[in-house]
Protein backbone atom coordinates (compact mmCIF):
# COMPACT_ATOMS: atom_id res chain seq x y z
CA MET A 1 215.79 -4.44 -81.00
CA MET A 2 219.66 -4.96 -79.34
CA ARG A 3 220.15 -1.55 -79.55
CA THR A 4 216.43 -0.75 -78.18
CA PHE A 5 217.17 -3.14 -75.26
CA ARG A 6 220.69 -1.05 -74.76
CA LEU A 7 218.59 1.77 -74.29
CA ILE A 8 215.82 0.74 -71.78
CA ARG A 9 218.85 -0.58 -69.42
CA VAL A 10 220.45 3.06 -69.83
CA ALA A 11 217.24 4.45 -69.08
CA ILE A 12 216.11 2.44 -65.87
CA LYS A 13 219.84 2.45 -64.62
CA SER A 14 219.36 6.28 -64.54
CA ILE A 15 215.76 6.08 -63.22
CA VAL A 16 217.59 3.90 -60.10
CA LYS A 17 220.65 6.14 -59.75
CA ASN A 18 218.33 9.26 -59.37
CA LYS A 19 216.17 7.89 -56.72
CA MET A 20 215.27 11.28 -54.82
CA ARG A 21 214.17 12.81 -58.40
CA THR A 22 212.14 9.63 -59.84
CA MET A 23 210.59 9.70 -56.24
CA LEU A 24 209.63 13.21 -56.91
CA THR A 25 208.58 12.54 -60.47
CA MET A 26 206.40 9.86 -59.72
CA LEU A 27 204.71 11.41 -56.94
CA GLY A 28 202.12 13.58 -58.75
CA ILE A 29 201.00 10.31 -61.13
CA ILE A 30 200.91 8.37 -58.04
CA ILE A 31 198.48 10.64 -56.51
CA GLY A 32 196.08 11.34 -59.52
CA VAL A 33 195.98 7.47 -60.44
CA GLY A 34 195.55 6.74 -56.84
CA ALA A 35 192.89 9.49 -56.91
CA VAL A 36 191.12 8.61 -60.20
CA ILE A 37 190.28 4.71 -58.81
CA VAL A 38 189.33 5.73 -55.48
CA MET A 39 186.76 8.54 -57.01
CA VAL A 40 185.65 5.78 -60.05
CA ALA A 41 185.12 3.57 -56.49
CA ILE A 42 183.21 5.36 -55.37
CA GLY A 43 180.66 6.09 -58.58
CA GLN A 44 180.52 2.80 -59.25
CA GLY A 45 179.62 1.82 -55.59
CA ALA A 46 176.75 3.65 -55.86
CA GLN A 47 175.73 3.15 -59.30
CA SER A 48 176.19 -0.83 -57.56
CA GLN A 49 174.19 -0.04 -54.50
CA ILE A 50 171.42 1.91 -56.85
CA GLU A 51 171.02 -0.76 -58.39
CA ALA A 52 170.56 -3.68 -56.23
CA ARG A 53 167.92 -1.88 -54.45
CA ILE A 54 166.08 -1.42 -57.47
CA LYS A 55 166.37 -5.51 -58.29
CA ASN A 56 165.24 -5.42 -54.51
CA LEU A 57 161.94 -3.61 -55.60
CA GLY A 58 160.63 -7.04 -57.35
CA THR A 59 161.45 -9.80 -60.03
CA ASN A 60 160.79 -8.45 -63.57
CA MET A 61 158.05 -6.06 -62.13
CA LEU A 62 155.49 -3.52 -64.30
CA VAL A 63 154.27 -0.59 -62.45
CA LEU A 64 150.35 0.75 -63.39
CA THR A 65 149.46 3.89 -61.85
CA ALA A 66 146.53 6.13 -62.72
CA GLY A 67 147.91 8.41 -65.46
CA THR A 68 148.20 11.36 -66.96
CA SER A 69 145.18 13.87 -66.99
CA SER A 70 144.72 17.06 -68.42
CA SER A 71 143.41 20.59 -66.69
CA GLY A 72 143.48 23.38 -68.94
CA GLY A 73 146.28 21.73 -71.44
CA VAL A 74 148.45 20.77 -68.88
CA SER A 75 149.20 17.42 -67.75
CA ARG A 76 149.33 16.68 -64.24
CA GLY A 77 150.98 13.61 -64.35
CA ALA A 78 150.87 10.09 -62.77
CA GLY A 79 148.76 9.12 -59.93
CA SER A 80 146.68 12.85 -60.05
CA PHE A 81 143.46 11.53 -61.28
CA ASN A 82 142.54 7.89 -60.13
CA ARG A 83 140.67 5.69 -62.43
CA LEU A 84 142.26 2.32 -61.67
CA LYS A 85 139.58 -0.23 -60.03
CA VAL A 86 139.73 -4.04 -58.76
CA GLU A 87 138.41 -4.55 -61.65
CA ASP A 88 141.04 -3.13 -63.93
CA ALA A 89 143.52 -5.63 -61.96
CA LEU A 90 141.48 -8.47 -62.90
CA LYS A 91 140.97 -8.04 -66.67
CA ILE A 92 144.57 -7.72 -67.17
CA ARG A 93 144.91 -10.94 -64.87
CA ASN A 94 142.52 -12.73 -67.08
CA GLU A 95 143.14 -11.87 -70.59
CA ASN A 96 147.15 -11.15 -70.49
CA THR A 97 149.75 -13.45 -72.46
CA PHE A 98 152.61 -12.54 -70.59
CA LEU A 99 152.33 -12.06 -67.17
CA ALA A 100 153.23 -14.81 -64.08
CA ALA A 101 151.49 -12.46 -61.42
CA VAL A 102 149.39 -8.93 -60.88
CA SER A 103 147.73 -7.77 -57.97
CA PRO A 104 145.71 -4.62 -57.17
CA VAL A 105 147.31 -1.97 -53.87
CA VAL A 106 145.29 -0.26 -51.98
CA VAL A 107 147.34 1.91 -49.79
CA THR A 108 146.94 3.91 -46.72
CA ARG A 109 148.53 4.77 -43.56
CA THR A 110 147.02 4.39 -39.98
CA GLN A 111 148.11 3.81 -36.38
CA ALA A 112 149.01 0.22 -35.64
CA VAL A 113 147.92 -0.51 -32.15
CA GLY A 114 148.78 -3.36 -30.21
CA GLY A 115 152.27 -5.40 -28.32
CA GLN A 116 154.68 -2.53 -26.84
CA GLY A 117 152.31 0.07 -27.81
CA ASN A 118 151.67 1.84 -31.11
CA TRP A 119 153.35 2.76 -34.19
CA ARG A 120 152.12 4.77 -37.21
CA THR A 121 152.86 3.19 -40.85
CA THR A 122 151.68 2.11 -44.20
CA ILE A 123 148.58 -0.45 -44.84
CA ASN A 124 148.97 -1.68 -48.31
CA GLY A 125 146.28 -4.04 -49.18
CA VAL A 126 147.36 -6.66 -51.66
CA ASP A 127 146.67 -10.12 -53.56
CA ILE A 128 149.05 -13.29 -53.13
CA ASP A 129 150.83 -12.66 -56.30
CA TYR A 130 152.52 -9.66 -54.26
CA GLN A 131 155.04 -12.05 -52.98
CA ILE A 132 156.04 -13.19 -56.20
CA ILE A 133 156.25 -9.93 -57.97
CA ARG A 134 158.07 -8.21 -54.79
CA ASP A 135 160.18 -11.41 -54.07
CA TRP A 136 159.00 -11.32 -50.63
CA ASP A 137 160.49 -14.41 -48.09
CA VAL A 138 158.10 -14.63 -44.85
CA VAL A 139 161.03 -15.21 -42.06
CA SER A 140 158.31 -15.99 -39.39
CA GLY A 141 154.59 -17.35 -40.54
CA SER A 142 153.11 -17.40 -43.29
CA PHE A 143 151.35 -15.35 -45.82
CA PHE A 144 148.08 -14.98 -46.39
CA ASP A 145 146.05 -17.58 -49.63
CA ALA A 146 143.56 -16.91 -51.82
CA VAL A 147 141.25 -18.37 -49.65
CA ASP A 148 141.78 -14.98 -47.24
CA VAL A 149 142.05 -12.62 -49.60
CA ARG A 150 137.97 -14.05 -50.89
CA GLN A 151 136.62 -13.78 -47.40
CA MET A 152 137.93 -10.77 -46.55
CA LYS A 153 139.93 -12.67 -43.65
CA LYS A 154 141.60 -9.73 -40.92
CA VAL A 155 145.03 -11.11 -41.10
CA VAL A 156 148.18 -9.05 -41.57
CA VAL A 157 151.32 -9.74 -42.22
CA LEU A 158 154.41 -7.13 -40.40
CA GLY A 159 157.35 -5.86 -42.63
CA ALA A 160 160.53 -5.87 -40.27
CA THR A 161 160.50 -2.50 -38.98
CA VAL A 162 156.73 -2.44 -37.99
CA ALA A 163 157.70 -5.99 -35.83
CA GLU A 164 160.43 -5.02 -34.12
CA ASN A 165 158.67 -1.66 -32.76
CA LEU A 166 156.04 -3.25 -31.52
CA PHE A 167 156.98 -6.76 -30.90
CA PRO A 168 160.61 -6.17 -29.86
CA GLY A 169 162.48 -8.85 -29.67
CA GLN A 170 159.52 -11.41 -29.47
CA ASP A 171 158.00 -13.62 -32.08
CA PRO A 172 154.49 -11.98 -32.59
CA ILE A 173 152.98 -14.97 -34.78
CA GLY A 174 149.27 -15.93 -33.24
CA GLN A 175 149.61 -11.48 -31.61
CA ARG A 176 146.63 -9.30 -32.19
CA ILE A 177 146.91 -6.11 -33.36
CA ARG A 178 144.29 -3.06 -34.21
CA LEU A 179 144.12 -1.21 -37.36
CA ARG A 180 141.54 1.94 -37.03
CA ASN A 181 139.92 -0.28 -34.05
CA VAL A 182 139.46 -3.01 -36.25
CA PRO A 183 141.58 -6.48 -34.89
CA MET A 184 143.87 -8.53 -37.05
CA THR A 185 145.80 -11.12 -36.21
CA ILE A 186 148.94 -11.63 -37.25
CA ILE A 187 150.58 -14.58 -39.55
CA GLY A 188 153.38 -13.37 -40.62
CA VAL A 189 156.76 -11.47 -40.75
CA LEU A 190 158.24 -10.41 -43.67
CA ALA A 191 161.94 -10.84 -44.61
CA ARG A 192 163.82 -7.20 -44.39
CA LYS A 193 164.12 -5.48 -47.75
CA GLY A 194 166.03 -2.53 -46.45
CA GLN A 195 165.72 1.19 -48.48
CA THR A 196 164.48 1.67 -51.55
CA ALA A 197 166.82 3.84 -54.24
CA GLN A 198 164.88 7.07 -52.92
CA GLY A 199 165.82 6.42 -49.27
CA SER A 200 162.43 5.39 -48.14
CA ASP A 201 162.03 2.15 -45.61
CA GLN A 202 160.18 -0.57 -47.03
CA ASP A 203 159.86 -2.78 -44.51
CA ASP A 204 157.99 -0.22 -42.46
CA VAL A 205 154.54 -1.54 -43.84
CA ILE A 206 151.98 -3.73 -42.97
CA LEU A 207 150.30 -6.19 -45.34
CA VAL A 208 146.86 -6.88 -45.68
CA PRO A 209 144.67 -8.62 -48.12
CA TYR A 210 143.12 -5.97 -50.58
CA THR A 211 139.56 -7.11 -50.08
CA THR A 212 139.56 -6.61 -45.75
CA VAL A 213 141.18 -2.92 -46.48
CA GLN A 214 138.99 -1.60 -49.11
CA THR A 215 136.01 -3.00 -46.87
CA ARG A 216 137.16 -2.71 -43.27
CA LEU A 217 139.71 0.02 -43.38
CA SER A 218 139.58 2.03 -46.37
CA GLY A 219 135.84 2.20 -47.92
CA TRP A 220 137.63 3.08 -51.50
CA SER A 221 136.48 1.50 -54.94
CA PHE A 222 139.61 3.19 -56.28
CA ILE A 223 143.28 1.58 -55.88
CA ALA A 224 146.83 3.29 -56.03
CA GLN A 225 148.55 0.84 -58.17
CA ILE A 226 148.41 -2.14 -59.63
CA LEU A 227 151.46 -4.36 -59.91
CA ALA A 228 152.95 -7.06 -62.48
CA SER A 229 155.64 -9.18 -63.00
CA THR A 230 156.57 -10.98 -66.08
CA TYR A 231 158.03 -14.32 -67.10
CA SER A 232 161.32 -12.90 -68.39
CA THR A 233 162.64 -10.05 -68.60
CA GLN A 234 162.72 -10.02 -72.50
CA ASP A 235 158.36 -9.81 -72.35
CA LEU A 236 158.75 -6.65 -70.41
CA ASP A 237 158.48 -4.51 -73.63
CA ALA A 238 155.86 -6.64 -75.11
CA ALA A 239 153.64 -6.78 -71.43
CA GLN A 240 153.51 -2.93 -70.69
CA GLU A 241 152.02 -2.37 -74.33
CA GLU A 242 149.93 -5.38 -73.75
CA ILE A 243 148.82 -4.21 -70.90
CA ARG A 244 148.33 -0.43 -72.12
CA VAL A 245 146.09 -1.96 -74.83
CA LEU A 246 143.62 -3.61 -71.97
CA MET A 247 143.41 -0.15 -70.14
CA ARG A 248 142.78 1.79 -72.78
CA GLU A 249 139.82 -0.58 -73.89
CA ALA A 250 138.39 -1.00 -69.78
CA HIS A 251 138.04 2.08 -69.76
CA GLY A 252 136.65 3.14 -72.76
CA LEU A 253 139.71 5.61 -74.29
CA ALA A 254 139.04 6.59 -78.04
CA SER A 255 141.50 6.55 -80.35
CA TRP A 256 141.96 10.32 -80.27
CA GLU A 257 142.19 10.59 -76.53
CA GLU A 258 145.68 10.30 -74.51
CA ASP A 259 146.13 7.10 -71.95
CA ASP A 260 144.89 8.24 -68.45
CA PHE A 261 147.60 6.01 -66.78
CA THR A 262 151.11 5.43 -66.65
CA ILE A 263 153.11 2.13 -67.34
CA ARG A 264 156.06 2.00 -65.47
CA ASN A 265 158.70 -1.37 -65.59
CA GLN A 266 161.96 -2.08 -64.01
CA ALA A 267 164.10 -1.69 -67.29
CA ASP A 268 163.08 2.30 -67.08
CA LEU A 269 164.03 2.37 -63.23
CA THR A 270 167.39 0.96 -63.80
CA GLU A 271 168.04 3.09 -66.93
CA ALA A 272 167.64 6.02 -64.83
CA ALA A 273 169.00 5.23 -61.94
CA GLU A 274 172.39 4.34 -64.17
CA GLY A 275 172.10 7.26 -66.17
CA THR A 276 172.31 9.01 -62.81
CA THR A 277 175.47 7.23 -61.23
CA GLU A 278 177.10 7.33 -64.88
CA VAL A 279 177.26 11.37 -64.90
CA MET A 280 178.47 11.28 -61.04
CA THR A 281 181.35 8.67 -61.54
CA LEU A 282 182.29 10.19 -64.79
CA LEU A 283 182.33 14.20 -63.06
CA LEU A 284 184.42 12.25 -59.88
CA ALA A 285 186.51 10.99 -62.40
CA SER A 286 186.99 14.34 -64.69
CA ILE A 287 187.75 15.72 -61.16
CA ALA A 288 190.68 13.27 -59.90
CA SER A 289 192.07 13.50 -63.57
CA ILE A 290 193.54 17.12 -63.27
CA SER A 291 195.51 15.78 -60.59
CA LEU A 292 196.98 13.26 -63.19
CA LEU A 293 197.56 16.36 -65.55
CA VAL A 294 199.49 18.14 -63.01
CA GLY A 295 201.38 15.08 -62.14
CA GLY A 296 202.25 15.21 -66.39
CA ILE A 297 203.32 18.85 -66.07
CA GLY A 298 205.64 17.67 -62.98
CA ILE A 299 206.96 14.75 -64.73
CA MET A 300 207.85 17.83 -67.82
CA ASN A 301 209.46 20.21 -65.19
CA ILE A 302 211.46 17.42 -63.56
CA MET A 303 212.73 15.97 -67.12
CA LEU A 304 213.50 19.64 -68.32
CA VAL A 305 215.85 19.83 -65.23
CA SER A 306 217.40 16.45 -65.58
CA VAL A 307 217.94 17.08 -69.64
CA THR A 308 219.45 20.41 -68.16
CA GLU A 309 221.33 18.75 -65.67
CA ARG A 310 222.71 15.90 -68.15
CA THR A 311 224.21 18.23 -70.73
CA ARG A 312 227.52 17.20 -70.94
CA GLU A 313 226.43 13.21 -70.55
CA ILE A 314 224.20 13.63 -73.61
CA GLY A 315 227.16 15.80 -75.43
CA ILE A 316 229.38 12.46 -74.71
CA ARG A 317 226.82 10.27 -76.00
CA MET A 318 226.66 12.05 -79.22
CA ALA A 319 230.72 12.29 -79.82
CA VAL A 320 231.10 8.77 -79.40
CA GLY A 321 228.27 8.01 -82.16
CA ALA A 322 224.62 7.79 -80.84
CA ARG A 323 221.94 9.70 -82.42
CA GLY A 324 219.27 12.10 -81.58
CA SER A 325 216.95 9.54 -82.08
CA ASP A 326 219.13 7.58 -79.19
CA VAL A 327 218.99 10.40 -76.85
CA LEU A 328 214.81 10.65 -77.70
CA THR A 329 214.14 7.32 -77.07
CA GLN A 330 216.45 6.94 -73.96
CA PHE A 331 214.67 9.97 -72.21
CA LEU A 332 210.99 8.97 -73.39
CA ILE A 333 211.54 5.32 -71.95
CA GLU A 334 212.99 6.69 -68.99
CA SER A 335 209.24 9.41 -68.58
CA ILE A 336 207.35 5.98 -69.75
CA VAL A 337 208.91 4.21 -67.37
CA MET A 338 208.29 6.74 -64.61
CA SER A 339 205.03 6.97 -65.40
CA ILE A 340 203.69 3.04 -65.23
CA LEU A 341 205.32 2.77 -62.11
CA GLY A 342 204.17 5.35 -60.23
CA GLY A 343 200.58 4.07 -62.23
CA PHE A 344 201.29 0.53 -60.79
CA ILE A 345 201.90 2.28 -57.25
CA GLY A 346 198.96 4.94 -57.77
CA VAL A 347 196.76 1.49 -58.23
CA ALA A 348 197.61 0.11 -55.11
CA VAL A 349 197.65 3.54 -53.26
CA GLY A 350 193.82 3.79 -55.39
CA PHE A 351 193.12 0.44 -53.76
CA GLY A 352 193.88 0.63 -50.47
CA GLY A 353 192.53 4.48 -50.58
CA ALA A 354 188.83 3.16 -51.36
CA SER A 355 189.02 -0.13 -48.83
CA LEU A 356 189.65 2.16 -46.47
CA LEU A 357 187.22 4.90 -47.60
CA GLY A 358 184.52 2.44 -47.19
CA SER A 359 184.86 0.89 -43.47
CA VAL A 360 185.24 4.49 -41.65
CA THR A 361 182.12 5.99 -43.53
CA GLY A 362 180.62 2.57 -44.48
CA TRP A 363 180.20 3.74 -48.41
CA SER A 364 180.05 1.58 -50.89
CA THR A 365 183.00 1.36 -52.75
CA GLU A 366 183.70 -1.29 -55.83
CA VAL A 367 186.84 -1.07 -58.21
CA SER A 368 186.28 -2.49 -61.35
CA PRO A 369 189.84 -4.47 -63.60
CA ASP A 370 188.26 -1.40 -66.33
CA ILE A 371 189.20 1.32 -64.88
CA VAL A 372 192.88 -0.32 -63.12
CA ALA A 373 193.58 -0.96 -67.08
CA VAL A 374 192.75 2.49 -68.52
CA ALA A 375 194.41 3.93 -64.98
CA ILE A 376 197.55 2.10 -66.37
CA ILE A 377 197.20 3.30 -69.86
CA PHE A 378 196.05 6.67 -69.24
CA SER A 379 199.70 7.10 -66.98
CA ALA A 380 201.43 5.75 -70.07
CA GLY A 381 200.06 8.18 -72.31
CA VAL A 382 201.36 10.57 -70.09
CA GLY A 383 205.01 9.85 -69.50
CA ILE A 384 204.76 9.86 -73.37
CA PHE A 385 202.78 13.25 -74.03
CA PHE A 386 204.91 15.20 -70.85
CA GLY A 387 208.29 13.45 -71.45
CA PHE A 388 208.18 13.87 -75.52
CA TYR A 389 209.45 17.69 -75.39
CA PRO A 390 212.32 17.77 -72.69
CA ALA A 391 213.06 14.22 -74.58
CA ARG A 392 212.81 16.35 -78.09
CA LYS A 393 215.23 19.44 -76.50
CA ALA A 394 217.76 16.73 -75.64
CA ALA A 395 217.89 15.24 -78.73
CA LEU A 396 218.57 18.02 -80.51
CA MET A 397 220.97 19.59 -79.05
CA ASN A 398 224.44 20.51 -80.49
CA PRO A 399 227.31 17.81 -79.31
CA ILE A 400 229.89 20.52 -79.31
CA ASP A 401 228.02 22.74 -77.47
CA ALA A 402 227.21 19.72 -74.80
CA LEU A 403 230.46 18.95 -74.26
CA ARG A 404 231.11 22.88 -73.60
CA TYR A 405 228.54 23.15 -71.29
CA GLU A 406 229.23 23.97 -67.17
């Protein structure tokens, strides 16, 4: 034990004595570790941002769309043949055992005229449960109620983007707008949701009772989708299967016929998004790890130069009783200490670089403790791997030849 501590002390003295060489040796590790942390911070930040946007879509949400029909043996995908009706949504609502809320969604686009001018936007005809499913608060006024839906009232709730463009700096509650020449009264303004993971603006929308949209705006009997949410995340799979059974029954599908609808849940969306960002993070980290490899090669080269410079020192140490294992350990310790020290400095550089990049570009960056630990361990591993050859070369020197070295 005493011998080990003595070797560590000798190694540290050698590192401190040759400051410039030590700094040059650590530089590659510093850059490599810093680059890895910055790249992973970008990837993890993007992943967190996408997850937040998916969660922002709603709570434990299931999305049912008109689904897969085949033409000439080729599947045309979700939405290709619309057979969803309000009756489907009502059947699911009345016969389910896992769902907290269900809402049909009737979608159309038109000009909203009123306030400061006009604004082309998306009209979503929905039921009162839509607010629960999407977890969407109203910041001004109120959401429409069951009576408004039943009586097909001409009332609307504006998304934040629509409210800002039609009524900038004003409270639009009680004001009127026209949708396809149908006058509508504004009863509420929704809280801002921001963009979806695909980059579309969730706030560029007007919500209207679905009965009003069907009878006064679109005239369509079919609906775009049915949204539902479960009481808990654990119920998503069971609810998805239950909806599938109810829909097949509602559409009179035989056992050999494929579903003519598609059901997706929020977990599927999250998993797909996480898979994409994980691949991106891994790719960025792999590219940045090349810097660590270069840094390791730099350590090996400078340690080889150090062995050559200190040949007489090695010979003297062996002449007074040092074993080859002692010389090997000393040089390995020097390499490891420089790598770990470079790793810590690289972590600080990485934190600073990620913070600076985030503030300059506006990107979301996130540094996890796990990647910091991995970076430090990896830098120590680099020190061992690339420091072993120079250390072994020093340990195998003949003391007499080393003493004669000029």
